[in-house]
N, C-alpha and C. Protein backbone atom coordinates (compact mmCIF):
# COMPACT_ATOMS: atom_id res chain seq x y z
N MET A 1 113.75 115.07 100.39
CA MET A 1 113.81 113.71 99.89
C MET A 1 115.15 113.49 99.21
N SER A 2 115.77 112.33 99.50
CA SER A 2 117.06 112.05 98.89
C SER A 2 116.89 111.72 97.42
N SER A 3 117.95 111.93 96.65
CA SER A 3 117.89 111.63 95.22
C SER A 3 119.26 111.21 94.75
N VAL A 4 119.32 110.71 93.55
CA VAL A 4 120.57 110.27 92.95
C VAL A 4 120.82 111.09 91.71
N ARG A 5 122.02 111.63 91.55
CA ARG A 5 122.35 112.41 90.37
C ARG A 5 122.87 111.48 89.30
N PHE A 6 122.28 111.56 88.12
CA PHE A 6 122.71 110.73 87.00
C PHE A 6 123.80 111.47 86.24
N ASP A 7 125.03 111.08 86.44
CA ASP A 7 126.17 111.74 85.81
C ASP A 7 126.71 110.86 84.70
N ARG A 8 126.42 111.21 83.46
CA ARG A 8 126.87 110.42 82.32
C ARG A 8 127.76 111.24 81.40
N SER A 9 128.45 112.22 81.95
CA SER A 9 129.23 113.14 81.13
C SER A 9 130.41 112.48 80.45
N THR A 10 130.81 111.30 80.93
CA THR A 10 131.97 110.64 80.34
C THR A 10 131.59 109.67 79.23
N THR A 11 130.31 109.48 78.97
CA THR A 11 129.91 108.51 77.95
C THR A 11 129.80 109.16 76.58
N ALA A 12 130.05 108.35 75.55
CA ALA A 12 129.99 108.88 74.19
C ALA A 12 128.55 109.13 73.77
N HIS A 13 127.63 108.30 74.25
CA HIS A 13 126.21 108.43 73.92
C HIS A 13 125.44 108.51 75.23
N PRO A 14 125.30 109.70 75.79
CA PRO A 14 124.78 109.85 77.16
C PRO A 14 123.27 109.64 77.25
N MET A 15 122.86 108.40 77.08
CA MET A 15 121.42 108.14 77.13
C MET A 15 121.19 106.66 77.38
N THR A 16 120.25 106.38 78.26
CA THR A 16 119.73 105.02 78.42
C THR A 16 118.22 105.12 78.44
N THR A 17 117.56 104.23 77.72
CA THR A 17 116.11 104.22 77.69
C THR A 17 115.61 102.97 78.40
N PHE A 18 114.74 103.20 79.38
CA PHE A 18 114.23 102.10 80.19
C PHE A 18 112.78 101.79 79.83
N LEU A 19 112.50 100.51 79.63
CA LEU A 19 111.13 100.02 79.59
C LEU A 19 110.77 99.65 81.02
N LEU A 20 109.93 100.47 81.65
CA LEU A 20 109.53 100.24 83.03
C LEU A 20 108.27 99.39 83.02
N ILE A 21 108.39 98.15 83.45
CA ILE A 21 107.31 97.17 83.31
C ILE A 21 106.79 96.77 84.69
N ARG A 22 105.50 96.92 84.88
CA ARG A 22 104.90 96.37 86.09
C ARG A 22 104.62 94.89 85.86
N HIS A 23 104.90 94.07 86.86
CA HIS A 23 104.66 92.63 86.71
C HIS A 23 103.21 92.35 86.35
N ALA A 24 102.98 91.21 85.74
CA ALA A 24 101.64 90.81 85.32
C ALA A 24 100.81 90.37 86.54
N ASN A 25 99.56 90.03 86.28
CA ASN A 25 98.61 89.76 87.36
C ASN A 25 98.95 88.52 88.18
N CYS A 26 98.69 88.65 89.47
CA CYS A 26 98.73 87.53 90.40
C CYS A 26 97.48 87.67 91.29
N ASP A 27 97.13 86.64 91.99
CA ASP A 27 95.86 86.64 92.74
C ASP A 27 95.71 87.79 93.73
N PRO A 28 96.78 88.23 94.42
CA PRO A 28 96.59 89.29 95.42
C PRO A 28 96.32 90.68 94.83
N VAL A 29 96.57 90.91 93.55
CA VAL A 29 96.43 92.26 92.98
C VAL A 29 95.04 92.81 93.24
N GLY A 30 94.99 93.98 93.86
CA GLY A 30 93.73 94.64 94.15
C GLY A 30 92.97 94.08 95.33
N GLN A 31 93.55 93.06 96.00
CA GLN A 31 92.85 92.41 97.11
C GLN A 31 93.67 92.37 98.40
N VAL A 32 94.92 91.99 98.27
CA VAL A 32 95.77 91.72 99.43
C VAL A 32 97.13 92.37 99.22
N ILE A 33 97.73 92.86 100.30
CA ILE A 33 99.10 93.38 100.24
C ILE A 33 100.06 92.20 100.35
N SER A 34 100.57 91.75 99.24
CA SER A 34 101.51 90.63 99.27
C SER A 34 102.91 91.08 99.63
N GLY A 35 103.24 92.34 99.34
CA GLY A 35 104.54 92.89 99.73
C GLY A 35 105.69 92.03 99.24
N ARG A 36 106.58 91.71 100.16
CA ARG A 36 107.75 90.90 99.82
C ARG A 36 107.58 89.44 100.19
N ALA A 37 106.37 89.03 100.47
CA ALA A 37 106.13 87.63 100.82
C ALA A 37 106.57 86.71 99.68
N ALA A 38 107.19 85.62 100.04
CA ALA A 38 107.64 84.65 99.03
C ALA A 38 106.46 83.81 98.55
N GLY A 39 106.62 83.25 97.36
CA GLY A 39 105.64 82.30 96.85
C GLY A 39 104.43 82.89 96.16
N VAL A 40 104.50 84.17 95.79
CA VAL A 40 103.39 84.79 95.07
C VAL A 40 103.71 84.73 93.58
N HIS A 41 103.01 83.88 92.86
CA HIS A 41 103.31 83.64 91.45
C HIS A 41 102.23 84.25 90.56
N LEU A 42 102.53 84.39 89.29
CA LEU A 42 101.53 84.83 88.33
C LEU A 42 100.39 83.81 88.28
N ASN A 43 99.17 84.31 88.17
CA ASN A 43 98.04 83.41 87.95
C ASN A 43 97.89 83.17 86.43
N ASP A 44 96.87 82.44 86.04
CA ASP A 44 96.72 82.12 84.62
C ASP A 44 96.57 83.38 83.77
N ARG A 45 95.81 84.34 84.29
CA ARG A 45 95.66 85.60 83.56
C ARG A 45 97.02 86.30 83.43
N GLY A 46 97.79 86.30 84.51
CA GLY A 46 99.08 86.94 84.48
C GLY A 46 100.06 86.27 83.52
N LYS A 47 100.01 84.95 83.47
CA LYS A 47 100.88 84.23 82.53
C LYS A 47 100.55 84.60 81.09
N ALA A 48 99.26 84.72 80.80
CA ALA A 48 98.85 85.12 79.45
C ALA A 48 99.28 86.56 79.16
N GLU A 49 99.16 87.43 80.16
CA GLU A 49 99.60 88.82 79.99
C GLU A 49 101.10 88.89 79.73
N ALA A 50 101.87 88.09 80.45
CA ALA A 50 103.32 88.10 80.28
C ALA A 50 103.72 87.63 78.89
N GLU A 51 103.04 86.61 78.39
CA GLU A 51 103.34 86.13 77.04
C GLU A 51 102.95 87.16 75.99
N ALA A 52 101.79 87.81 76.18
CA ALA A 52 101.37 88.85 75.24
C ALA A 52 102.35 90.03 75.28
N LEU A 53 102.81 90.37 76.47
CA LEU A 53 103.79 91.44 76.62
C LEU A 53 105.08 91.09 75.88
N ALA A 54 105.54 89.86 76.04
CA ALA A 54 106.76 89.42 75.37
C ALA A 54 106.63 89.53 73.85
N THR A 55 105.46 89.19 73.34
CA THR A 55 105.21 89.30 71.90
C THR A 55 105.26 90.75 71.45
N ARG A 56 104.62 91.64 72.22
CA ARG A 56 104.60 93.06 71.88
C ARG A 56 106.01 93.65 71.86
N LEU A 57 106.82 93.23 72.82
CA LEU A 57 108.16 93.80 72.94
C LEU A 57 109.19 93.08 72.07
N GLY A 58 108.78 91.99 71.45
CA GLY A 58 109.72 91.17 70.70
C GLY A 58 110.39 91.89 69.54
N ILE A 59 109.75 92.94 69.02
CA ILE A 59 110.32 93.67 67.88
C ILE A 59 111.35 94.72 68.31
N LEU A 60 111.46 94.95 69.61
CA LEU A 60 112.36 96.01 70.10
C LEU A 60 113.77 95.46 70.35
N PRO A 61 114.79 96.29 70.14
CA PRO A 61 116.18 95.85 70.34
C PRO A 61 116.60 95.96 71.80
N ILE A 62 115.97 95.17 72.65
CA ILE A 62 116.27 95.20 74.09
C ILE A 62 117.64 94.56 74.32
N ARG A 63 118.48 95.25 75.08
CA ARG A 63 119.85 94.76 75.31
C ARG A 63 120.02 94.02 76.62
N ALA A 64 119.10 94.24 77.58
CA ALA A 64 119.20 93.56 78.87
C ALA A 64 117.84 93.59 79.55
N VAL A 65 117.61 92.58 80.39
CA VAL A 65 116.36 92.48 81.14
C VAL A 65 116.71 92.32 82.62
N TYR A 66 116.19 93.22 83.44
CA TYR A 66 116.41 93.19 84.88
C TYR A 66 115.08 93.05 85.59
N SER A 67 115.13 92.49 86.80
CA SER A 67 113.88 92.25 87.52
C SER A 67 114.07 92.38 89.02
N SER A 68 113.01 92.83 89.67
CA SER A 68 112.87 92.64 91.12
C SER A 68 113.07 91.16 91.43
N PRO A 69 113.61 90.83 92.60
CA PRO A 69 113.86 89.41 92.91
C PRO A 69 112.63 88.61 93.31
N LEU A 70 111.44 89.21 93.34
CA LEU A 70 110.24 88.47 93.72
C LEU A 70 109.68 87.66 92.54
N GLU A 71 109.05 86.54 92.86
CA GLU A 71 108.66 85.58 91.83
C GLU A 71 107.79 86.18 90.74
N ARG A 72 106.78 86.96 91.13
CA ARG A 72 105.84 87.48 90.13
C ARG A 72 106.53 88.41 89.12
N ALA A 73 107.55 89.11 89.58
CA ALA A 73 108.32 89.96 88.68
C ALA A 73 109.27 89.12 87.82
N LEU A 74 109.94 88.16 88.45
CA LEU A 74 110.87 87.30 87.71
C LEU A 74 110.16 86.51 86.62
N GLU A 75 108.94 86.06 86.89
CA GLU A 75 108.19 85.29 85.90
C GLU A 75 107.77 86.18 84.73
N THR A 76 107.42 87.42 85.01
CA THR A 76 107.10 88.36 83.94
C THR A 76 108.35 88.64 83.12
N ALA A 77 109.45 88.89 83.81
CA ALA A 77 110.71 89.19 83.12
C ALA A 77 111.18 88.01 82.29
N ALA A 78 110.96 86.79 82.78
CA ALA A 78 111.41 85.60 82.05
C ALA A 78 110.75 85.50 80.69
N ALA A 79 109.47 85.85 80.62
CA ALA A 79 108.77 85.81 79.33
C ALA A 79 109.37 86.82 78.36
N VAL A 80 109.63 88.03 78.85
CA VAL A 80 110.24 89.07 78.00
C VAL A 80 111.63 88.65 77.57
N ALA A 81 112.41 88.15 78.51
CA ALA A 81 113.80 87.77 78.20
C ALA A 81 113.86 86.62 77.20
N ALA A 82 112.94 85.66 77.33
CA ALA A 82 112.95 84.51 76.42
C ALA A 82 112.74 84.95 74.98
N SER A 83 111.85 85.93 74.78
CA SER A 83 111.58 86.41 73.43
C SER A 83 112.78 87.14 72.83
N GLN A 84 113.67 87.60 73.71
CA GLN A 84 114.87 88.33 73.27
C GLN A 84 116.13 87.46 73.33
N ARG A 85 115.97 86.24 73.83
CA ARG A 85 117.11 85.32 74.02
C ARG A 85 118.16 85.96 74.92
N LEU A 86 117.66 86.50 76.03
CA LEU A 86 118.51 87.15 77.00
C LEU A 86 118.31 86.51 78.37
N PRO A 87 119.30 86.61 79.26
CA PRO A 87 119.08 86.16 80.64
C PRO A 87 118.32 87.23 81.42
N VAL A 88 117.76 86.84 82.54
CA VAL A 88 117.17 87.80 83.47
C VAL A 88 118.17 88.04 84.59
N GLU A 89 118.48 89.30 84.82
CA GLU A 89 119.38 89.67 85.91
C GLU A 89 118.56 90.36 86.99
N THR A 90 118.88 90.07 88.25
CA THR A 90 118.11 90.64 89.33
C THR A 90 118.60 92.05 89.66
N ALA A 91 117.65 92.88 90.06
CA ALA A 91 117.93 94.26 90.46
C ALA A 91 117.28 94.46 91.83
N PRO A 92 118.01 94.19 92.91
CA PRO A 92 117.41 94.22 94.25
C PRO A 92 116.80 95.56 94.63
N GLY A 93 117.32 96.65 94.08
CA GLY A 93 116.80 97.97 94.42
C GLY A 93 115.41 98.23 93.88
N LEU A 94 114.93 97.35 93.00
CA LEU A 94 113.59 97.50 92.42
C LEU A 94 112.58 96.55 93.04
N VAL A 95 112.94 95.96 94.19
CA VAL A 95 112.02 95.07 94.89
C VAL A 95 110.81 95.85 95.39
N GLU A 96 109.75 95.12 95.69
CA GLU A 96 108.52 95.73 96.20
C GLU A 96 108.78 96.51 97.49
N ILE A 97 107.91 97.45 97.80
CA ILE A 97 107.96 98.16 99.07
C ILE A 97 107.92 97.15 100.22
N ASP A 98 108.68 97.43 101.27
CA ASP A 98 108.59 96.64 102.49
C ASP A 98 107.34 97.11 103.24
N PHE A 99 106.28 96.32 103.17
CA PHE A 99 105.01 96.70 103.80
C PHE A 99 104.93 96.28 105.27
N GLY A 100 106.00 95.78 105.81
CA GLY A 100 106.07 95.52 107.24
C GLY A 100 104.86 94.77 107.78
N GLU A 101 104.21 95.36 108.81
CA GLU A 101 103.09 94.69 109.49
C GLU A 101 101.85 94.58 108.61
N TRP A 102 101.82 95.30 107.49
CA TRP A 102 100.65 95.22 106.62
C TRP A 102 100.73 94.06 105.63
N THR A 103 101.88 93.42 105.54
CA THR A 103 102.05 92.31 104.59
C THR A 103 101.04 91.20 104.89
N GLY A 104 100.32 90.78 103.86
CA GLY A 104 99.34 89.70 104.00
C GLY A 104 97.95 90.16 104.38
N ARG A 105 97.78 91.45 104.66
CA ARG A 105 96.46 91.93 105.06
C ARG A 105 95.65 92.35 103.83
N THR A 106 94.35 92.23 103.92
CA THR A 106 93.50 92.62 102.80
C THR A 106 93.35 94.13 102.76
N LEU A 107 93.08 94.65 101.57
CA LEU A 107 92.85 96.09 101.44
C LEU A 107 91.59 96.50 102.20
N ALA A 108 90.61 95.63 102.25
CA ALA A 108 89.38 95.94 102.98
C ALA A 108 89.66 96.15 104.46
N ASP A 109 90.53 95.32 105.03
CA ASP A 109 90.89 95.48 106.44
C ASP A 109 91.70 96.75 106.66
N LEU A 110 92.65 97.00 105.77
CA LEU A 110 93.51 98.17 105.92
C LEU A 110 92.74 99.47 105.78
N ASP A 111 91.68 99.46 105.01
CA ASP A 111 90.88 100.67 104.82
C ASP A 111 90.30 101.20 106.12
N GLN A 112 90.27 100.37 107.16
CA GLN A 112 89.73 100.79 108.45
C GLN A 112 90.79 101.44 109.34
N LEU A 113 92.06 101.40 108.92
CA LEU A 113 93.15 101.87 109.77
C LEU A 113 93.53 103.31 109.46
N PRO A 114 93.63 104.18 110.49
CA PRO A 114 94.07 105.56 110.26
C PRO A 114 95.46 105.63 109.63
N ASP A 115 96.38 104.72 110.03
CA ASP A 115 97.73 104.75 109.47
C ASP A 115 97.73 104.46 107.97
N TRP A 116 96.84 103.59 107.53
CA TRP A 116 96.72 103.27 106.11
C TRP A 116 96.20 104.47 105.33
N LYS A 117 95.20 105.14 105.89
CA LYS A 117 94.64 106.32 105.24
C LYS A 117 95.70 107.42 105.15
N LEU A 118 96.50 107.59 106.21
CA LEU A 118 97.58 108.57 106.19
C LEU A 118 98.62 108.21 105.13
N PHE A 119 98.95 106.94 105.05
CA PHE A 119 99.93 106.47 104.08
C PHE A 119 99.52 106.81 102.65
N ASN A 120 98.23 106.73 102.38
CA ASN A 120 97.76 106.99 101.02
C ASN A 120 97.46 108.45 100.73
N SER A 121 97.36 109.27 101.76
CA SER A 121 97.08 110.70 101.54
C SER A 121 98.29 111.59 101.79
N PHE A 122 99.24 111.11 102.59
CA PHE A 122 100.41 111.92 102.95
C PHE A 122 101.64 111.02 102.97
N ARG A 123 101.85 110.35 101.84
CA ARG A 123 102.86 109.30 101.77
C ARG A 123 104.27 109.81 101.98
N SER A 124 104.53 111.06 101.67
CA SER A 124 105.89 111.59 101.81
C SER A 124 106.40 111.56 103.24
N SER A 125 105.50 111.54 104.21
CA SER A 125 105.92 111.57 105.60
C SER A 125 105.49 110.35 106.40
N ALA A 126 104.61 109.53 105.86
CA ALA A 126 104.10 108.38 106.61
C ALA A 126 105.08 107.21 106.53
N ARG A 127 105.21 106.51 107.63
CA ARG A 127 106.00 105.28 107.63
C ARG A 127 105.07 104.09 107.85
N ILE A 128 105.27 103.07 107.05
CA ILE A 128 104.54 101.82 107.23
C ILE A 128 105.01 101.19 108.54
N PRO A 129 104.12 100.73 109.39
CA PRO A 129 104.57 100.07 110.63
C PRO A 129 105.50 98.89 110.34
N GLY A 130 106.72 99.01 110.76
CA GLY A 130 107.70 97.97 110.51
C GLY A 130 108.22 97.94 109.09
N GLY A 131 107.90 98.96 108.29
CA GLY A 131 108.30 98.96 106.89
C GLY A 131 109.04 100.22 106.47
N GLU A 132 108.90 100.58 105.19
CA GLU A 132 109.68 101.67 104.60
C GLU A 132 108.91 102.97 104.52
N ARG A 133 109.67 104.06 104.45
CA ARG A 133 109.14 105.36 104.06
C ARG A 133 109.26 105.51 102.55
N ALA A 134 108.44 106.39 102.00
CA ALA A 134 108.47 106.63 100.55
C ALA A 134 109.84 107.10 100.10
N ALA A 135 110.49 107.94 100.90
CA ALA A 135 111.81 108.45 100.53
C ALA A 135 112.83 107.33 100.42
N GLU A 136 112.70 106.33 101.27
CA GLU A 136 113.62 105.20 101.24
C GLU A 136 113.39 104.34 99.99
N VAL A 137 112.14 104.16 99.64
CA VAL A 137 111.82 103.40 98.43
C VAL A 137 112.40 104.10 97.20
N LEU A 138 112.16 105.40 97.10
CA LEU A 138 112.64 106.15 95.95
C LEU A 138 114.16 106.17 95.89
N SER A 139 114.80 106.35 97.02
CA SER A 139 116.26 106.43 97.05
C SER A 139 116.90 105.15 96.53
N ARG A 140 116.43 104.00 96.98
CA ARG A 140 117.08 102.75 96.53
C ARG A 140 116.69 102.41 95.11
N ALA A 141 115.48 102.80 94.66
CA ALA A 141 115.10 102.56 93.26
C ALA A 141 115.93 103.43 92.32
N LEU A 142 116.15 104.69 92.69
CA LEU A 142 116.97 105.58 91.86
C LEU A 142 118.42 105.11 91.83
N ALA A 143 118.91 104.64 92.96
CA ALA A 143 120.28 104.13 92.99
C ALA A 143 120.44 102.93 92.05
N GLU A 144 119.42 102.07 92.01
CA GLU A 144 119.47 100.91 91.11
C GLU A 144 119.44 101.36 89.65
N LEU A 145 118.56 102.29 89.32
CA LEU A 145 118.52 102.79 87.94
C LEU A 145 119.81 103.49 87.56
N ASP A 146 120.41 104.19 88.51
CA ASP A 146 121.70 104.84 88.23
C ASP A 146 122.75 103.79 87.89
N ARG A 147 122.77 102.69 88.64
CA ARG A 147 123.71 101.61 88.36
C ARG A 147 123.49 101.05 86.96
N LEU A 148 122.25 100.81 86.60
CA LEU A 148 121.94 100.27 85.28
C LEU A 148 122.23 101.29 84.19
N CYS A 149 121.98 102.54 84.49
CA CYS A 149 122.25 103.60 83.52
C CYS A 149 123.74 103.65 83.19
N ARG A 150 124.57 103.56 84.20
CA ARG A 150 126.02 103.58 83.99
C ARG A 150 126.48 102.35 83.21
N ALA A 151 125.81 101.22 83.43
CA ALA A 151 126.21 100.00 82.75
C ALA A 151 125.82 99.99 81.28
N HIS A 152 124.77 100.76 80.92
CA HIS A 152 124.23 100.67 79.56
C HIS A 152 124.23 101.98 78.79
N ALA A 153 124.68 103.06 79.37
CA ALA A 153 124.60 104.35 78.69
C ALA A 153 125.59 104.50 77.55
N GLY A 154 126.66 103.73 77.56
CA GLY A 154 127.71 103.91 76.56
C GLY A 154 127.25 103.78 75.14
N ALA A 155 126.22 102.99 74.89
CA ALA A 155 125.72 102.81 73.52
C ALA A 155 124.27 103.24 73.39
N GLY A 156 123.77 103.98 74.37
CA GLY A 156 122.39 104.43 74.31
C GLY A 156 121.42 103.27 74.24
N GLU A 157 121.56 102.31 75.14
CA GLU A 157 120.83 101.05 75.01
C GLU A 157 119.40 101.11 75.54
N LEU A 158 118.59 100.15 75.07
CA LEU A 158 117.22 99.97 75.53
C LEU A 158 117.22 98.82 76.53
N VAL A 159 116.76 99.11 77.75
CA VAL A 159 116.85 98.16 78.86
C VAL A 159 115.46 97.95 79.46
N ALA A 160 115.07 96.71 79.66
CA ALA A 160 113.79 96.39 80.28
C ALA A 160 114.00 96.12 81.77
N VAL A 161 113.16 96.73 82.59
CA VAL A 161 113.19 96.46 84.03
C VAL A 161 111.77 96.13 84.48
N VAL A 162 111.65 95.07 85.25
CA VAL A 162 110.35 94.64 85.75
C VAL A 162 110.31 94.85 87.26
N SER A 163 109.31 95.60 87.71
CA SER A 163 109.21 95.92 89.12
C SER A 163 107.74 95.93 89.54
N HIS A 164 107.40 96.77 90.50
CA HIS A 164 106.09 96.77 91.14
C HIS A 164 105.44 98.13 91.02
N GLY A 165 104.11 98.15 91.10
CA GLY A 165 103.36 99.36 90.79
C GLY A 165 103.81 100.60 91.53
N ASP A 166 103.86 100.55 92.85
CA ASP A 166 104.19 101.76 93.60
C ASP A 166 105.66 102.15 93.48
N VAL A 167 106.53 101.18 93.30
CA VAL A 167 107.95 101.50 93.09
C VAL A 167 108.11 102.26 91.77
N LEU A 168 107.47 101.77 90.73
CA LEU A 168 107.57 102.44 89.42
C LEU A 168 106.86 103.78 89.43
N ARG A 169 105.73 103.88 90.13
CA ARG A 169 105.06 105.18 90.24
C ARG A 169 105.98 106.21 90.89
N ALA A 170 106.68 105.79 91.93
CA ALA A 170 107.59 106.70 92.63
C ALA A 170 108.69 107.19 91.69
N VAL A 171 109.24 106.28 90.90
CA VAL A 171 110.30 106.64 89.96
C VAL A 171 109.78 107.60 88.90
N ILE A 172 108.65 107.26 88.30
CA ILE A 172 108.10 108.11 87.24
C ILE A 172 107.74 109.48 87.79
N ALA A 173 107.08 109.51 88.96
CA ALA A 173 106.71 110.79 89.57
C ALA A 173 107.95 111.65 89.82
N HIS A 174 109.01 111.04 90.28
CA HIS A 174 110.25 111.78 90.53
C HIS A 174 110.76 112.46 89.27
N PHE A 175 110.80 111.72 88.18
CA PHE A 175 111.40 112.25 86.96
C PHE A 175 110.51 113.24 86.21
N ILE A 176 109.20 113.21 86.46
CA ILE A 176 108.35 114.20 85.80
C ILE A 176 107.90 115.31 86.75
N GLY A 177 108.45 115.29 87.96
CA GLY A 177 108.19 116.39 88.88
C GLY A 177 106.86 116.36 89.58
N VAL A 178 106.28 115.18 89.76
CA VAL A 178 105.02 115.03 90.49
C VAL A 178 105.33 114.75 91.96
N PRO A 179 104.75 115.49 92.90
CA PRO A 179 105.01 115.24 94.31
C PRO A 179 104.64 113.82 94.72
N THR A 180 105.38 113.27 95.66
CA THR A 180 105.12 111.92 96.14
C THR A 180 103.69 111.74 96.62
N ASP A 181 103.14 112.76 97.26
CA ASP A 181 101.79 112.64 97.80
C ASP A 181 100.72 112.54 96.71
N LEU A 182 101.09 112.82 95.47
CA LEU A 182 100.13 112.78 94.37
C LEU A 182 100.41 111.64 93.39
N PHE A 183 101.38 110.79 93.68
CA PHE A 183 101.78 109.83 92.64
C PHE A 183 100.75 108.74 92.40
N GLN A 184 99.77 108.59 93.29
CA GLN A 184 98.72 107.61 93.03
C GLN A 184 97.84 108.03 91.86
N ARG A 185 97.98 109.26 91.40
CA ARG A 185 97.24 109.69 90.21
C ARG A 185 97.81 109.06 88.95
N ILE A 186 98.98 108.47 89.04
CA ILE A 186 99.60 107.79 87.90
C ILE A 186 99.11 106.35 87.88
N GLU A 187 98.42 105.98 86.83
CA GLU A 187 97.90 104.62 86.70
C GLU A 187 98.95 103.71 86.04
N LEU A 188 99.24 102.60 86.69
CA LEU A 188 100.13 101.59 86.11
C LEU A 188 99.44 100.23 86.26
N SER A 189 98.96 99.71 85.17
CA SER A 189 98.25 98.44 85.19
C SER A 189 99.22 97.26 85.19
N PRO A 190 98.78 96.09 85.66
CA PRO A 190 99.63 94.91 85.54
C PRO A 190 100.04 94.68 84.08
N ALA A 191 101.29 94.30 83.90
CA ALA A 191 101.88 94.02 82.59
C ALA A 191 101.94 95.26 81.69
N SER A 192 101.87 96.44 82.29
CA SER A 192 101.98 97.67 81.50
C SER A 192 103.44 98.05 81.29
N VAL A 193 103.65 98.84 80.25
CA VAL A 193 104.99 99.35 79.92
C VAL A 193 104.95 100.87 79.89
N SER A 194 105.90 101.48 80.58
CA SER A 194 106.14 102.92 80.45
C SER A 194 107.58 103.08 79.99
N ILE A 195 107.85 104.11 79.22
CA ILE A 195 109.20 104.28 78.65
C ILE A 195 109.80 105.59 79.16
N LEU A 196 110.95 105.46 79.78
CA LEU A 196 111.65 106.60 80.36
C LEU A 196 113.05 106.69 79.76
N ALA A 197 113.33 107.82 79.10
CA ALA A 197 114.66 108.05 78.54
C ALA A 197 115.42 108.98 79.47
N LEU A 198 116.57 108.53 79.93
CA LEU A 198 117.42 109.34 80.79
C LEU A 198 118.58 109.85 79.96
N GLU A 199 118.54 111.15 79.67
CA GLU A 199 119.49 111.77 78.77
C GLU A 199 120.33 112.79 79.53
N VAL A 200 121.42 113.22 78.93
CA VAL A 200 122.31 114.16 79.58
C VAL A 200 121.61 115.48 79.86
N HIS A 201 120.61 115.83 79.06
CA HIS A 201 119.90 117.09 79.27
C HIS A 201 118.66 116.93 80.16
N GLY A 202 118.43 115.72 80.64
CA GLY A 202 117.30 115.50 81.53
C GLY A 202 116.44 114.33 81.08
N PRO A 203 115.48 113.94 81.92
CA PRO A 203 114.63 112.79 81.60
C PRO A 203 113.49 113.16 80.68
N ARG A 204 113.03 112.16 79.92
CA ARG A 204 111.82 112.31 79.10
C ARG A 204 110.97 111.07 79.26
N LEU A 205 109.70 111.27 79.61
CA LEU A 205 108.75 110.16 79.67
C LEU A 205 108.11 110.02 78.30
N LEU A 206 108.41 108.93 77.61
CA LEU A 206 107.97 108.75 76.22
C LEU A 206 106.66 107.98 76.11
N LEU A 207 106.32 107.22 77.14
CA LEU A 207 105.11 106.41 77.10
C LEU A 207 104.72 106.09 78.54
N LEU A 208 103.39 106.03 78.80
CA LEU A 208 102.93 105.74 80.15
C LEU A 208 101.82 104.70 80.11
N ASN A 209 101.99 103.64 80.90
CA ASN A 209 100.94 102.64 81.15
C ASN A 209 100.37 102.04 79.86
N SER A 210 101.25 101.64 78.96
CA SER A 210 100.79 101.01 77.74
C SER A 210 100.54 99.52 77.97
N THR A 211 99.32 99.09 77.66
CA THR A 211 98.96 97.68 77.78
C THR A 211 98.48 97.09 76.46
N GLY A 212 98.38 97.94 75.44
CA GLY A 212 97.85 97.48 74.17
C GLY A 212 96.34 97.50 74.12
N GLU A 213 95.71 97.98 75.20
CA GLU A 213 94.26 98.03 75.26
C GLU A 213 93.83 99.42 75.73
N TRP A 214 92.57 99.79 75.43
CA TRP A 214 92.02 101.01 75.98
C TRP A 214 91.74 100.83 77.46
N PRO A 215 91.88 101.88 78.26
CA PRO A 215 91.56 101.77 79.68
C PRO A 215 90.11 101.34 79.89
N SER A 216 89.87 100.51 80.91
CA SER A 216 88.50 100.07 81.18
C SER A 216 87.63 101.28 81.53
N GLY A 217 86.40 101.26 81.04
CA GLY A 217 85.48 102.35 81.32
C GLY A 217 85.54 103.48 80.35
N LEU A 218 86.53 103.51 79.48
CA LEU A 218 86.66 104.62 78.52
C LEU A 218 85.52 104.57 77.52
N GLY A 219 84.77 105.67 77.44
CA GLY A 219 83.68 105.76 76.47
C GLY A 219 82.38 105.12 76.91
N GLU A 220 82.34 104.57 78.14
CA GLU A 220 81.10 103.97 78.61
C GLU A 220 80.06 105.07 78.87
N ARG A 221 78.81 104.73 78.62
CA ARG A 221 77.73 105.70 78.82
C ARG A 221 76.77 105.22 79.91
């Protein structure tokens, strides 16, 4: 699998800390593969989640906000950026996976397809029909983070990036050494925040899937 080397040896403060944010809820979540289809916006629940997220993050010294170019991510990022009085800048390398021929199909329909089952059990080698391989997703996401790291490492800045569940899972799995075929074990809820510090001595995952709430089902009898 291809990777990007983070070389920050020339910076005075060789560290950038990323708030990795999954976009808030939209109607297709858990039902339909919206992929890169245009016109998928946050629903009312998602708008409330984005505002609550912005409030939670409002106390942090965020220096920049970047987003996938898709509407649901941009709308989530806009709420965070407004609370910080910052613009939202697009980060094309953090766009959703290209789901090719599966775009617009329901998860119930896809569950009947052998290719879909292979994609979810052996993702490191499976290619989406007409879409991307996992290695391609990870490579362009890492390249984007490397670009942002170089732009913000000089002062050890805190940077918010808003992207999509599987893209962020791939990034987190890469930095903590989890194989691609197992990254679905990493839970990332809508409007969740994970914190990744990229330092000269290596990465550190400081927080995972924080939503301000306990996971559903925890403690149920």
